[in-house]
Amino acid sequence: MDLSERRRQINGFSTIGLVVLSLTALLPLLVIAVPAMFSGQIPQPERDEGTGAHIFQLSIALLMPVGLVFLATADWEHPMGIARRLAFPTAIVILAFAILYYFEHVYGG
């Protein structure tokens, strides 16, 4: 296996990592915040933020090193391919932060 093939393989794994981590950041919001907004009942705040908040925080924090690996191993001769592979995880993270903002500032405020 030559170096460029190895880079493509690492880049593929990091692409999968970006998708999984972005969906992992969205999942707690879909399970907790969205049903609360539709039902009209905001859950009582816990002393600790709860497992969902910790999962969200960890997945967002892990996006940085995985994203750096993606960018370091990307084939920069094809920037549109890079943009296409980044589009879905980026949209999911933006959606997650939009739901979080709405839940905390607009709906819950």
Protein backbone atom coordinates (compact mmCIF):
# COMPACT_ATOMS: atom_id res chain seq x y z
CA MET A 1 0.00 0.00 0.00
CA ASP A 2 1.59 3.27 -1.09
CA LEU A 3 1.37 6.56 0.77
CA SER A 4 -1.36 8.15 -1.38
CA GLU A 5 -3.55 5.06 -1.04
CA ARG A 6 -3.06 5.14 2.72
CA ARG A 7 -4.01 8.85 2.79
CA ARG A 8 -7.20 8.11 0.85
CA GLN A 9 -8.07 5.35 3.29
CA ILE A 10 -7.49 7.60 6.33
CA ASN A 11 -9.49 10.34 4.63
CA GLY A 12 -12.36 7.92 4.05
CA PHE A 13 -12.35 6.90 7.72
CA SER A 14 -12.27 10.52 8.83
CA THR A 15 -15.20 11.30 6.50
CA ILE A 16 -17.20 8.53 8.18
CA GLY A 17 -16.10 9.89 11.56
CA LEU A 18 -17.36 13.36 10.68
CA VAL A 19 -20.75 12.01 9.66
CA VAL A 20 -21.08 9.79 12.74
CA LEU A 21 -20.02 12.53 15.15
CA SER A 22 -22.30 15.13 13.59
CA LEU A 23 -25.27 12.74 13.79
CA THR A 24 -24.28 11.90 17.37
CA ALA A 25 -24.42 15.60 18.21
CA LEU A 26 -27.89 15.88 16.67
CA LEU A 27 -29.36 12.75 18.25
CA PRO A 28 -29.74 13.98 21.87
CA LEU A 29 -31.49 17.10 20.60
CA LEU A 30 -33.89 15.04 18.53
CA VAL A 31 -34.62 12.81 21.52
CA ILE A 32 -34.95 15.51 24.20
CA ALA A 33 -35.48 19.01 22.80
CA VAL A 34 -37.71 18.42 19.78
CA PRO A 35 -40.30 16.27 21.62
CA ALA A 36 -40.37 18.83 24.44
CA MET A 37 -41.04 21.63 21.95
CA PHE A 38 -43.85 19.69 20.26
CA SER A 39 -45.48 18.62 23.53
CA GLY A 40 -45.24 22.08 25.07
CA GLN A 41 -43.75 20.70 28.29
CA ILE A 42 -40.23 21.78 29.08
CA PRO A 43 -38.48 19.23 31.29
CA GLN A 44 -37.33 20.43 34.69
CA PRO A 45 -33.68 21.46 34.66
CA GLU A 46 -31.42 18.88 36.22
CA ARG A 47 -28.63 19.61 38.67
CA ASP A 48 -26.23 18.13 36.17
CA GLU A 49 -26.72 18.83 32.48
CA GLY A 50 -27.55 15.20 31.82
CA THR A 51 -26.24 12.50 29.56
CA GLY A 52 -27.64 14.04 26.38
CA ALA A 53 -25.77 17.29 26.95
CA HIS A 54 -22.53 15.44 27.62
CA ILE A 55 -22.93 13.35 24.47
CA PHE A 56 -23.54 16.54 22.47
CA GLN A 57 -20.50 18.28 23.99
CA LEU A 58 -18.17 15.33 23.47
CA SER A 59 -19.22 14.77 19.88
CA ILE A 60 -18.76 18.46 19.05
CA ALA A 61 -15.34 18.45 20.74
CA LEU A 62 -14.28 15.33 18.83
CA LEU A 63 -15.27 16.90 15.51
CA MET A 64 -12.20 19.15 15.70
CA PRO A 65 -9.45 16.49 15.65
CA VAL A 66 -11.37 14.31 13.16
CA GLY A 67 -11.91 17.36 10.95
CA LEU A 68 -8.21 18.18 11.10
CA VAL A 69 -7.34 14.62 10.05
CA PHE A 70 -9.84 14.95 7.20
CA LEU A 71 -8.30 18.22 6.02
CA ALA A 72 -4.73 16.94 6.41
CA THR A 73 -5.41 13.84 4.31
CA ALA A 74 -7.72 15.44 1.73
CA ASP A 75 -6.87 15.42 -1.97
CA TRP A 76 -6.58 19.16 -2.58
CA GLU A 77 -6.39 18.65 -6.33
CA HIS A 78 -10.17 18.04 -6.18
CA PRO A 79 -11.62 20.73 -3.88
CA MET A 80 -15.22 20.12 -4.98
CA GLY A 81 -14.98 16.54 -3.74
CA ILE A 82 -13.80 17.84 -0.38
CA ALA A 83 -16.66 20.33 -0.24
CA ARG A 84 -19.21 17.63 -1.11
CA ARG A 85 -17.96 15.33 1.64
CA LEU A 86 -18.03 18.18 4.17
CA ALA A 87 -21.48 19.46 3.20
CA PHE A 88 -23.60 16.85 5.03
CA PRO A 89 -21.72 16.90 8.37
CA THR A 90 -21.63 20.70 8.28
CA ALA A 91 -25.37 20.93 7.64
CA ILE A 92 -26.10 18.50 10.48
CA VAL A 93 -23.95 20.45 12.96
CA ILE A 94 -25.61 23.73 11.91
CA LEU A 95 -29.02 22.09 12.38
CA ALA A 96 -28.00 20.79 15.82
CA PHE A 97 -26.86 24.23 16.97
CA ALA A 98 -29.99 25.84 15.52
CA ILE A 99 -32.23 23.44 17.46
CA LEU A 100 -30.17 24.00 20.61
CA TYR A 101 -30.36 27.78 20.23
CA TYR A 102 -34.09 27.70 19.58
CA PHE A 103 -34.74 25.39 22.51
CA GLU A 104 -32.66 27.42 24.97
CA HIS A 105 -33.34 31.02 23.85
CA VAL A 106 -36.58 31.20 21.91
CA TYR A 107 -38.71 28.33 23.16
CA GLY A 108 -37.44 28.00 26.71
CA GLY A 109 -36.76 31.66 27.35
